[in-house]
Amino acid sequence: MEAPRIVCDSLVFGEAPRWKDGRLWFSDMHGEWVCAVTPEGDLEKILHVPRHPSGLGFMPDGSLLVVSMEDRKVLRLKDGKVSVHADLEGHYARGHLNDMSVDDSGRAYVGQFGSDTYGGEPQQATTLILIEADGSHRAVADGLRMPNGMAISPSGDFLYVAESSGQRITRFRIADDGSLGAREVYAHLEVRPDGMCLDAEGCVWFGAAMYPQGGIFRVAPGGAVLETIRDDGWRGIACALGGEGRNTLFLIEAQRIAPGKIGGPGNSRIRAVGAPAPGAGPP
């Protein structure tokens, strides 16, 4: 692969990239903004989320869903107006909400820390939450070790979940009502996976922030590492396949990841590089 080019290098802490309508949408988590950027680097701030935005997704009508981490809400931006799509405070587990994947019908799968990680609590196994298109919600899987980045297969039959503290990617079969059935380990890993995407060859791209093995990785079923992208001093956070034909891999990276050590703009960046296979499944 050629060397990635810089798209944007002015972020505080980028996360949760999604490709839509010619732009990469993402959360600048600790900058408290949802943003969109063109492949040429034209950046627009879309929505201020003071309790820290994370997972993003789009409803069938084009409205935007945003995870608000600290107050455990999923917000909906429609026609310039913000509403609470689902309030998960007091449900399911402690700690912040995290990443999210939204299917073509508007169902949203939401991960969570499972404990007050920033407060020093040890991480515990936790649940994965399904939010229906009408905002109702329920737990659909348990025993997960910090469910983080997620991706849905092109057929809509499978959900891939990065279990960060479990150091694995788990795959669930999705039932017609959105419930999750049989699970299997797609890949055991030596790193902690974060934001991910699928490609047309059945492989998974994901970010992993922990050194010395951190970076952006492409793995095949079983965990064989096919591609690795690293840059000294930068940690892989998340990635998405977009651009024309979804043949461009967008990388979100950061220098520091601990909230108390993150400075201001310039701590995080987005780079882009041509991918060996196009993206697959909901972007």
C-alpha atoms as a PDB file:
ATOM      1  CA  MET A   1       0.000   0.000   0.000  1.00  0.00           C
ATOM      2  CA  GLU A   2       1.106   3.558  -0.660  1.00  0.00           C
ATOM      3  CA  ALA A   3       1.744   5.993   2.176  1.00  0.00           C
ATOM      4  CA  PRO A   4      -1.473   7.482   3.609  1.00  0.00           C
ATOM      5  CA  ARG A   5      -2.120  11.172   3.022  1.00  0.00           C
ATOM      6  CA  ILE A   6      -3.392  13.582   5.657  1.00  0.00           C
ATOM      7  CA  VAL A   7      -7.017  14.694   5.276  1.00  0.00           C
ATOM      8  CA  CYS A   8      -7.385  16.596   8.546  1.00  0.00           C
ATOM      9  CA  ASP A   9      -4.930  17.035  11.428  1.00  0.00           C
ATOM     10  CA  SER A  10      -6.732  19.508  13.714  1.00  0.00           C
ATOM     11  CA  LEU A  11      -8.833  17.158  15.860  1.00  0.00           C
ATOM     12  CA  VAL A  12      -8.823  16.635  19.621  1.00  0.00           C
ATOM     13  CA  PHE A  13      -9.850  12.957  19.549  1.00  0.00           C
ATOM     14  CA  GLY A  14     -11.584  11.535  16.493  1.00  0.00           C
ATOM     15  CA  GLU A  15     -13.821   8.468  16.653  1.00  0.00           C
ATOM     16  CA  ALA A  16     -16.668   6.551  14.953  1.00  0.00           C
ATOM     17  CA  PRO A  17     -16.170   7.389  11.235  1.00  0.00           C
ATOM     18  CA  ARG A  18     -19.050   6.815   8.808  1.00  0.00           C
ATOM     19  CA  TRP A  19     -19.139   7.537   5.057  1.00  0.00           C
ATOM     20  CA  LYS A  20     -22.233   9.252   3.649  1.00  0.00           C
ATOM     21  CA  ASP A  21     -23.026  11.592   0.758  1.00  0.00           C
ATOM     22  CA  GLY A  22     -19.458  12.251  -0.300  1.00  0.00           C
ATOM     23  CA  ARG A  23     -18.131  13.027   3.177  1.00  0.00           C
ATOM     24  CA  LEU A  24     -16.652  11.221   6.169  1.00  0.00           C
ATOM     25  CA  TRP A  25     -18.768  11.857   9.247  1.00  0.00           C
ATOM     26  CA  PHE A  26     -17.103  11.349  12.634  1.00  0.00           C
ATOM     27  CA  SER A  27     -17.137  12.335  16.288  1.00  0.00           C
ATOM     28  CA  ASP A  28     -14.413  14.558  17.693  1.00  0.00           C
ATOM     29  CA  MET A  29     -15.126  12.950  21.052  1.00  0.00           C
ATOM     30  CA  HIS A  30     -13.119  15.148  23.393  1.00  0.00           C
ATOM     31  CA  GLY A  31     -13.575  18.166  21.159  1.00  0.00           C
ATOM     32  CA  GLU A  32     -17.347  17.710  21.744  1.00  0.00           C
ATOM     33  CA  TRP A  33     -18.386  17.992  18.094  1.00  0.00           C
ATOM     34  CA  VAL A  34     -19.818  15.763  15.411  1.00  0.00           C
ATOM     35  CA  CYS A  35     -18.114  16.753  12.162  1.00  0.00           C
ATOM     36  CA  ALA A  36     -17.996  15.892   8.472  1.00  0.00           C
ATOM     37  CA  VAL A  37     -15.020  16.237   6.154  1.00  0.00           C
ATOM     38  CA  THR A  38     -14.554  15.814   2.412  1.00  0.00           C
ATOM     39  CA  PRO A  39     -11.694  13.708   1.035  1.00  0.00           C
ATOM     40  CA  GLU A  40     -10.026  17.025   0.171  1.00  0.00           C
ATOM     41  CA  GLY A  41     -10.112  18.161   3.808  1.00  0.00           C
ATOM     42  CA  ASP A  42     -13.032  20.621   3.872  1.00  0.00           C
ATOM     43  CA  LEU A  43     -14.277  20.290   7.461  1.00  0.00           C
ATOM     44  CA  GLU A  44     -17.719  21.207   8.808  1.00  0.00           C
ATOM     45  CA  LYS A  45     -18.838  21.114  12.437  1.00  0.00           C
ATOM     46  CA  ILE A  46     -22.328  19.595  12.468  1.00  0.00           C
ATOM     47  CA  LEU A  47     -23.491  19.242  16.089  1.00  0.00           C
ATOM     48  CA  HIS A  48     -22.096  20.218  19.477  1.00  0.00           C
ATOM     49  CA  VAL A  49     -22.448  17.368  22.003  1.00  0.00           C
ATOM     50  CA  PRO A  50     -21.133  18.550  25.389  1.00  0.00           C
ATOM     51  CA  ARG A  51     -21.343  15.115  27.052  1.00  0.00           C
ATOM     52  CA  HIS A  52     -18.967  13.678  24.441  1.00  0.00           C
ATOM     53  CA  PRO A  53     -20.168  12.177  21.145  1.00  0.00           C
ATOM     54  CA  SER A  54     -19.160   8.691  20.049  1.00  0.00           C
ATOM     55  CA  GLY A  55     -21.015   6.235  17.785  1.00  0.00           C
ATOM     56  CA  LEU A  56     -22.808   7.587  14.712  1.00  0.00           C
ATOM     57  CA  GLY A  57     -25.337   6.163  12.283  1.00  0.00           C
ATOM     58  CA  PHE A  58     -28.064   7.184   9.868  1.00  0.00           C
ATOM     59  CA  MET A  59     -31.771   6.425   9.879  1.00  0.00           C
ATOM     60  CA  PRO A  60     -33.657   5.503   6.675  1.00  0.00           C
ATOM     61  CA  ASP A  61     -34.901   9.111   6.390  1.00  0.00           C
ATOM     62  CA  GLY A  62     -31.314  10.393   6.507  1.00  0.00           C
ATOM     63  CA  SER A  63     -31.471  11.743  10.046  1.00  0.00           C
ATOM     64  CA  LEU A  64     -28.356  11.307  12.151  1.00  0.00           C
ATOM     65  CA  LEU A  65     -28.115   9.262  15.357  1.00  0.00           C
ATOM     66  CA  VAL A  66     -25.364  10.222  17.830  1.00  0.00           C
ATOM     67  CA  VAL A  67     -24.278   8.505  21.021  1.00  0.00           C
ATOM     68  CA  SER A  68     -23.871  10.977  23.889  1.00  0.00           C
ATOM     69  CA  MET A  69     -21.494   9.014  26.074  1.00  0.00           C
ATOM     70  CA  GLU A  70     -21.608  10.496  29.565  1.00  0.00           C
ATOM     71  CA  ASP A  71     -25.374  10.923  29.950  1.00  0.00           C
ATOM     72  CA  ARG A  72     -26.057   7.600  28.203  1.00  0.00           C
ATOM     73  CA  LYS A  73     -28.386   8.975  25.546  1.00  0.00           C
ATOM     74  CA  VAL A  74     -28.706   8.500  21.809  1.00  0.00           C
ATOM     75  CA  LEU A  75     -29.597  11.777  20.117  1.00  0.00           C
ATOM     76  CA  ARG A  76     -31.316  12.287  16.772  1.00  0.00           C
ATOM     77  CA  LEU A  77     -30.596  15.214  14.472  1.00  0.00           C
ATOM     78  CA  LYS A  78     -33.406  15.707  11.957  1.00  0.00           C
ATOM     79  CA  ASP A  79     -34.066  18.813   9.872  1.00  0.00           C
ATOM     80  CA  GLY A  80     -31.734  20.817  12.099  1.00  0.00           C
ATOM     81  CA  LYS A  81     -33.496  19.851  15.332  1.00  0.00           C
ATOM     82  CA  VAL A  82     -32.089  17.608  18.071  1.00  0.00           C
ATOM     83  CA  SER A  83     -34.199  15.202  20.114  1.00  0.00           C
ATOM     84  CA  VAL A  84     -33.504  12.294  22.463  1.00  0.00           C
ATOM     85  CA  HIS A  85     -34.015   9.125  20.448  1.00  0.00           C
ATOM     86  CA  ALA A  86     -33.340   6.819  23.424  1.00  0.00           C
ATOM     87  CA  ASP A  87     -32.418   7.475  27.061  1.00  0.00           C
ATOM     88  CA  LEU A  88     -30.402   4.555  28.470  1.00  0.00           C
ATOM     89  CA  GLU A  89     -29.484   6.167  31.804  1.00  0.00           C
ATOM     90  CA  GLY A  90     -30.120   3.709  34.625  1.00  0.00           C
ATOM     91  CA  HIS A  91     -30.418   0.737  32.271  1.00  0.00           C
ATOM     92  CA  TYR A  92     -28.139  -2.216  31.489  1.00  0.00           C
ATOM     93  CA  ALA A  93     -24.794  -1.258  33.115  1.00  0.00           C
ATOM     94  CA  ARG A  94     -22.564   1.431  34.562  1.00  0.00           C
ATOM     95  CA  GLY A  95     -20.119   3.622  32.714  1.00  0.00           C
ATOM     96  CA  HIS A  96     -20.245   5.417  29.402  1.00  0.00           C
ATOM     97  CA  LEU A  97     -21.957   4.394  26.218  1.00  0.00           C
ATOM     98  CA  ASN A  98     -19.592   3.817  23.338  1.00  0.00           C
ATOM     99  CA  ASP A  99     -19.737   3.012  19.635  1.00  0.00           C
ATOM    100  CA  MET A 100     -22.815   2.147  17.557  1.00  0.00           C
ATOM    101  CA  SER A 101     -23.855   0.542  14.273  1.00  0.00           C
ATOM    102  CA  VAL A 102     -27.185   1.279  12.565  1.00  0.00           C
ATOM    103  CA  ASP A 103     -28.743  -1.081  10.025  1.00  0.00           C
ATOM    104  CA  ASP A 104     -30.769  -0.185   6.937  1.00  0.00           C
ATOM    105  CA  SER A 105     -34.057  -0.345   8.868  1.00  0.00           C
ATOM    106  CA  GLY A 106     -32.909   2.105  11.561  1.00  0.00           C
ATOM    107  CA  ARG A 107     -32.112  -0.422  14.281  1.00  0.00           C
ATOM    108  CA  ALA A 108     -29.096   0.665  16.308  1.00  0.00           C
ATOM    109  CA  TYR A 109     -26.699  -1.613  18.177  1.00  0.00           C
ATOM    110  CA  VAL A 110     -24.931   0.263  20.981  1.00  0.00           C
ATOM    111  CA  GLY A 111     -21.897  -0.779  23.017  1.00  0.00           C
ATOM    112  CA  GLN A 112     -20.873   0.388  26.484  1.00  0.00           C
ATOM    113  CA  PHE A 113     -17.901   0.361  28.848  1.00  0.00           C
ATOM    114  CA  GLY A 114     -19.752  -1.776  31.429  1.00  0.00           C
ATOM    115  CA  SER A 115     -18.129  -0.006  34.391  1.00  0.00           C
ATOM    116  CA  ASP A 116     -16.825   3.405  35.415  1.00  0.00           C
ATOM    117  CA  THR A 117     -13.545   2.900  33.607  1.00  0.00           C
ATOM    118  CA  TYR A 118     -12.475   6.546  33.837  1.00  0.00           C
ATOM    119  CA  GLY A 119     -13.221   6.400  37.573  1.00  0.00           C
ATOM    120  CA  GLY A 120     -10.814   3.521  38.035  1.00  0.00           C
ATOM    121  CA  GLU A 121     -13.274   0.628  38.255  1.00  0.00           C
ATOM    122  CA  PRO A 122     -12.081  -2.657  36.771  1.00  0.00           C
ATOM    123  CA  GLN A 123     -13.810  -3.570  33.556  1.00  0.00           C
ATOM    124  CA  GLN A 124     -16.587  -6.108  33.816  1.00  0.00           C
ATOM    125  CA  ALA A 125     -18.486  -8.175  31.281  1.00  0.00           C
ATOM    126  CA  THR A 126     -21.472  -6.222  30.007  1.00  0.00           C
ATOM    127  CA  THR A 127     -24.394  -6.194  27.595  1.00  0.00           C
ATOM    128  CA  LEU A 128     -24.960  -5.039  24.046  1.00  0.00           C
ATOM    129  CA  ILE A 129     -28.042  -2.868  23.553  1.00  0.00           C
ATOM    130  CA  LEU A 130     -30.474  -2.773  20.636  1.00  0.00           C
ATOM    131  CA  ILE A 131     -32.472   0.398  20.017  1.00  0.00           C
ATOM    132  CA  GLU A 132     -35.412  -0.066  17.666  1.00  0.00           C
ATOM    133  CA  ALA A 133     -36.298   2.564  15.084  1.00  0.00           C
ATOM    134  CA  ASP A 134     -39.061   3.833  17.404  1.00  0.00           C
ATOM    135  CA  GLY A 135     -36.574   4.390  20.268  1.00  0.00           C
ATOM    136  CA  SER A 136     -37.549   1.380  22.394  1.00  0.00           C
ATOM    137  CA  HIS A 137     -34.582  -0.629  23.605  1.00  0.00           C
ATOM    138  CA  ARG A 138     -33.488  -3.927  25.090  1.00  0.00           C
ATOM    139  CA  ALA A 139     -30.338  -5.936  25.794  1.00  0.00           C
ATOM    140  CA  VAL A 140     -29.609  -8.504  23.073  1.00  0.00           C
ATOM    141  CA  ALA A 141     -26.318 -10.063  24.251  1.00  0.00           C
ATOM    142  CA  ASP A 142     -24.362 -10.314  27.479  1.00  0.00           C
ATOM    143  CA  GLY A 143     -20.941 -11.435  28.665  1.00  0.00           C
ATOM    144  CA  LEU A 144     -19.116  -9.011  26.357  1.00  0.00           C
ATOM    145  CA  ARG A 145     -15.768  -7.503  27.319  1.00  0.00           C
ATOM    146  CA  MET A 146     -16.163  -3.801  26.494  1.00  0.00           C
ATOM    147  CA  PRO A 147     -18.143  -3.961  23.229  1.00  0.00           C
ATOM    148  CA  ASN A 148     -16.698  -1.204  21.097  1.00  0.00           C
ATOM    149  CA  GLY A 149     -16.570  -0.838  17.302  1.00  0.00           C
ATOM    150  CA  MET A 150     -19.238  -2.699  15.326  1.00  0.00           C
ATOM    151  CA  ALA A 151     -20.126  -3.501  11.731  1.00  0.00           C
ATOM    152  CA  ILE A 152     -23.055  -5.202   9.988  1.00  0.00           C
ATOM    153  CA  SER A 153     -22.558  -7.611   7.090  1.00  0.00           C
ATOM    154  CA  PRO A 154     -23.833  -6.681   3.604  1.00  0.00           C
ATOM    155  CA  SER A 155     -26.578  -9.306   3.891  1.00  0.00           C
ATOM    156  CA  GLY A 156     -27.688  -7.915   7.253  1.00  0.00           C
ATOM    157  CA  ASP A 157     -27.356 -11.395   8.748  1.00  0.00           C
ATOM    158  CA  PHE A 158     -24.327 -10.823  10.975  1.00  0.00           C
ATOM    159  CA  LEU A 159     -23.092  -8.264  13.491  1.00  0.00           C
ATOM    160  CA  TYR A 160     -19.356  -7.988  14.133  1.00  0.00           C
ATOM    161  CA  VAL A 161     -18.340  -6.600  17.535  1.00  0.00           C
ATOM    162  CA  ALA A 162     -14.887  -5.519  18.692  1.00  0.00           C
ATOM    163  CA  GLU A 163     -14.494  -6.644  22.306  1.00  0.00           C
ATOM    164  CA  SER A 164     -11.687  -4.320  23.315  1.00  0.00           C
ATOM    165  CA  SER A 165     -10.720  -5.776  26.695  1.00  0.00           C
ATOM    166  CA  GLY A 166     -11.484  -9.289  25.419  1.00  0.00           C
ATOM    167  CA  GLN A 167      -8.943  -8.854  22.583  1.00  0.00           C
ATOM    168  CA  ARG A 168     -11.225 -10.453  20.036  1.00  0.00           C
ATOM    169  CA  ILE A 169     -13.775  -9.759  17.331  1.00  0.00           C
ATOM    170  CA  THR A 170     -17.033 -11.621  17.906  1.00  0.00           C
ATOM    171  CA  ARG A 171     -19.653 -12.317  15.257  1.00  0.00           C
ATOM    172  CA  PHE A 172     -23.367 -12.745  16.001  1.00  0.00           C
ATOM    173  CA  ARG A 173     -26.152 -13.978  13.749  1.00  0.00           C
ATOM    174  CA  ILE A 174     -28.942 -11.379  13.541  1.00  0.00           C
ATOM    175  CA  ALA A 175     -32.538 -12.628  13.731  1.00  0.00           C
ATOM    176  CA  ASP A 176     -35.402 -11.052  11.786  1.00  0.00           C
ATOM    177  CA  ASP A 177     -36.479  -9.050  14.856  1.00  0.00           C
ATOM    178  CA  GLY A 178     -32.949  -7.719  15.420  1.00  0.00           C
ATOM    179  CA  SER A 179     -32.160 -10.086  18.287  1.00  0.00           C
ATOM    180  CA  LEU A 180     -28.726 -11.666  18.343  1.00  0.00           C
ATOM    181  CA  GLY A 181     -28.402 -15.434  18.167  1.00  0.00           C
ATOM    182  CA  ALA A 182     -25.430 -17.732  17.871  1.00  0.00           C
ATOM    183  CA  ARG A 183     -22.058 -16.117  18.489  1.00  0.00           C
ATOM    184  CA  GLU A 184     -18.612 -17.128  17.358  1.00  0.00           C
ATOM    185  CA  VAL A 185     -15.152 -15.653  17.600  1.00  0.00           C
ATOM    186  CA  TYR A 186     -14.223 -14.196  14.221  1.00  0.00           C
ATOM    187  CA  ALA A 187     -10.663 -13.441  15.350  1.00  0.00           C
ATOM    188  CA  HIS A 188      -8.538 -13.761  18.490  1.00  0.00           C
ATOM    189  CA  LEU A 189      -6.145 -10.808  18.618  1.00  0.00           C
ATOM    190  CA  GLU A 190      -2.944  -9.695  20.316  1.00  0.00           C
ATOM    191  CA  VAL A 191      -4.251  -6.131  20.485  1.00  0.00           C
ATOM    192  CA  ARG A 192      -7.392  -4.392  21.756  1.00  0.00           C
ATOM    193  CA  PRO A 193      -9.665  -3.679  18.773  1.00  0.00           C
ATOM    194  CA  ASP A 194     -11.606  -0.425  18.510  1.00  0.00           C
ATOM    195  CA  GLY A 195     -13.518   1.116  15.580  1.00  0.00           C
ATOM    196  CA  MET A 196     -13.935  -1.207  12.599  1.00  0.00           C
ATOM    197  CA  CYS A 197     -15.314  -1.703   9.110  1.00  0.00           C
ATOM    198  CA  LEU A 198     -15.819  -4.619   6.707  1.00  0.00           C
ATOM    199  CA  ASP A 199     -14.564  -5.055   3.162  1.00  0.00           C
ATOM    200  CA  ALA A 200     -15.893  -6.992   0.180  1.00  0.00           C
ATOM    201  CA  GLU A 201     -13.417  -9.840   0.701  1.00  0.00           C
ATOM    202  CA  GLY A 202     -14.869 -10.672   4.133  1.00  0.00           C
ATOM    203  CA  CYS A 203     -12.021  -9.066   6.038  1.00  0.00           C
ATOM    204  CA  VAL A 204     -12.176  -6.632   8.955  1.00  0.00           C
ATOM    205  CA  TRP A 205     -10.225  -3.397   9.285  1.00  0.00           C
ATOM    206  CA  PHE A 206      -9.919  -2.033  12.826  1.00  0.00           C
ATOM    207  CA  GLY A 207      -7.981   0.430  14.922  1.00  0.00           C
ATOM    208  CA  ALA A 208      -5.949  -0.586  17.991  1.00  0.00           C
ATOM    209  CA  ALA A 209      -4.514   2.110  20.207  1.00  0.00           C
ATOM    210  CA  MET A 210      -2.218   0.171  22.541  1.00  0.00           C
ATOM    211  CA  TYR A 211       1.528   0.141  21.917  1.00  0.00           C
ATOM    212  CA  PRO A 212       3.812  -1.498  20.939  1.00  0.00           C
ATOM    213  CA  GLN A 213       1.451  -3.391  18.615  1.00  0.00           C
ATOM    214  CA  GLY A 214      -0.983  -0.537  17.988  1.00  0.00           C
ATOM    215  CA  GLY A 215      -2.020   0.734  14.569  1.00  0.00           C
ATOM    216  CA  ILE A 216      -4.668   0.038  11.945  1.00  0.00           C
ATOM    217  CA  PHE A 217      -5.003  -3.629  11.001  1.00  0.00           C
ATOM    218  CA  ARG A 218      -6.743  -5.730   8.366  1.00  0.00           C
ATOM    219  CA  VAL A 219      -7.489  -9.292   9.477  1.00  0.00           C
ATOM    220  CA  ALA A 220      -9.019 -12.346   7.833  1.00  0.00           C
ATOM    221  CA  PRO A 221     -11.378 -14.796   9.554  1.00  0.00           C
ATOM    222  CA  GLY A 222      -9.385 -16.527  12.261  1.00  0.00           C
ATOM    223  CA  GLY A 223      -7.197 -13.491  12.928  1.00  0.00           C
ATOM    224  CA  ALA A 224      -4.440 -13.663  10.318  1.00  0.00           C
ATOM    225  CA  VAL A 225      -3.092 -10.128   9.897  1.00  0.00           C
ATOM    226  CA  LEU A 226      -3.073  -9.162   6.212  1.00  0.00           C
ATOM    227  CA  GLU A 227      -2.214  -5.457   6.427  1.00  0.00           C
ATOM    228  CA  THR A 228      -0.761  -3.193   9.107  1.00  0.00           C
ATOM    229  CA  ILE A 229      -0.540   0.617   8.997  1.00  0.00           C
ATOM    230  CA  ARG A 230       1.521   2.350  11.694  1.00  0.00           C
ATOM    231  CA  ASP A 231       3.168   5.705  12.229  1.00  0.00           C
ATOM    232  CA  ASP A 232       5.511   6.266  15.180  1.00  0.00           C
ATOM    233  CA  GLY A 233       3.888   8.425  17.834  1.00  0.00           C
ATOM    234  CA  TRP A 234       0.328   7.792  16.575  1.00  0.00           C
ATOM    235  CA  ARG A 235      -2.208   5.253  17.772  1.00  0.00           C
ATOM    236  CA  GLY A 236      -4.917   3.686  15.623  1.00  0.00           C
ATOM    237  CA  ILE A 237      -8.422   4.523  16.861  1.00  0.00           C
ATOM    238  CA  ALA A 238     -10.931   3.679  14.113  1.00  0.00           C
ATOM    239  CA  CYS A 239     -11.326   3.387  10.357  1.00  0.00           C
ATOM    240  CA  ALA A 240     -13.932   3.448   7.578  1.00  0.00           C
ATOM    241  CA  LEU A 241     -14.052   2.606   3.878  1.00  0.00           C
ATOM    242  CA  GLY A 242     -15.494   5.386   1.753  1.00  0.00           C
ATOM    243  CA  GLY A 243     -14.762   7.617  -1.189  1.00  0.00           C
ATOM    244  CA  GLU A 244     -15.629   6.740  -4.788  1.00  0.00           C
ATOM    245  CA  GLY A 245     -16.614   3.074  -4.893  1.00  0.00           C
ATOM    246  CA  ARG A 246     -15.757   2.893  -1.190  1.00  0.00           C
ATOM    247  CA  ASN A 247     -12.186   2.124  -2.222  1.00  0.00           C
ATOM    248  CA  THR A 248     -10.515   4.577   0.175  1.00  0.00           C
ATOM    249  CA  LEU A 249      -9.587   3.639   3.725  1.00  0.00           C
ATOM    250  CA  PHE A 250      -9.911   6.543   6.160  1.00  0.00           C
ATOM    251  CA  LEU A 251      -7.803   6.178   9.312  1.00  0.00           C
ATOM    252  CA  ILE A 252      -8.469   8.010  12.566  1.00  0.00           C
ATOM    253  CA  GLU A 253      -5.382   8.241  14.770  1.00  0.00           C
ATOM    254  CA  ALA A 254      -4.382   9.993  17.973  1.00  0.00           C
ATOM    255  CA  GLN A 255      -1.204  10.696  19.892  1.00  0.00           C
ATOM    256  CA  ARG A 256      -2.709  10.449  23.388  1.00  0.00           C
ATOM    257  CA  ILE A 257      -5.818   8.546  24.409  1.00  0.00           C
ATOM    258  CA  ALA A 258      -6.181   9.056  28.195  1.00  0.00           C
ATOM    259  CA  PRO A 259      -8.688  11.911  28.764  1.00  0.00           C
ATOM    260  CA  GLY A 260      -6.476  13.590  31.355  1.00  0.00           C
ATOM    261  CA  LYS A 261      -3.490  13.647  28.999  1.00  0.00           C
ATOM    262  CA  ILE A 262      -5.185  14.804  25.809  1.00  0.00           C
ATOM    263  CA  GLY A 263      -4.311  18.349  24.933  1.00  0.00           C
ATOM    264  CA  GLY A 264      -6.244  20.336  22.377  1.00  0.00           C
ATOM    265  CA  PRO A 265      -6.594  20.306  18.600  1.00  0.00           C
ATOM    266  CA  GLY A 266      -3.778  18.489  16.871  1.00  0.00           C
ATOM    267  CA  ASN A 267      -3.838  15.465  19.153  1.00  0.00           C
ATOM    268  CA  SER A 268      -5.826  13.509  16.536  1.00  0.00           C
ATOM    269  CA  ARG A 269      -5.952  13.316  12.755  1.00  0.00           C
ATOM    270  CA  ILE A 270      -7.548  11.602   9.763  1.00  0.00           C
ATOM    271  CA  ARG A 271      -5.494  10.068   6.955  1.00  0.00           C
ATOM    272  CA  ALA A 272      -6.591   8.317   3.769  1.00  0.00           C
ATOM    273  CA  VAL A 273      -5.121   5.586   1.582  1.00  0.00           C
ATOM    274  CA  GLY A 274      -6.291   3.341  -1.235  1.00  0.00           C
ATOM    275  CA  ALA A 275      -7.671   0.002  -0.007  1.00  0.00           C
ATOM    276  CA  PRO A 276      -7.100  -3.490  -1.488  1.00  0.00           C
ATOM    277  CA  ALA A 277     -10.881  -4.170  -1.475  1.00  0.00           C
ATOM    278  CA  PRO A 278     -13.929  -1.873  -1.309  1.00  0.00           C
ATOM    279  CA  GLY A 279     -16.134  -1.412   1.729  1.00  0.00           C
ATOM    280  CA  ALA A 280     -19.121  -3.682   2.367  1.00  0.00           C
ATOM    281  CA  GLY A 281     -22.216  -3.435   4.535  1.00  0.00           C
ATOM    282  CA  PRO A 282     -23.781  -0.279   5.983  1.00  0.00           C
ATOM    283  CA  PRO A 283     -21.105   2.443   6.020  1.00  0.00           C
END
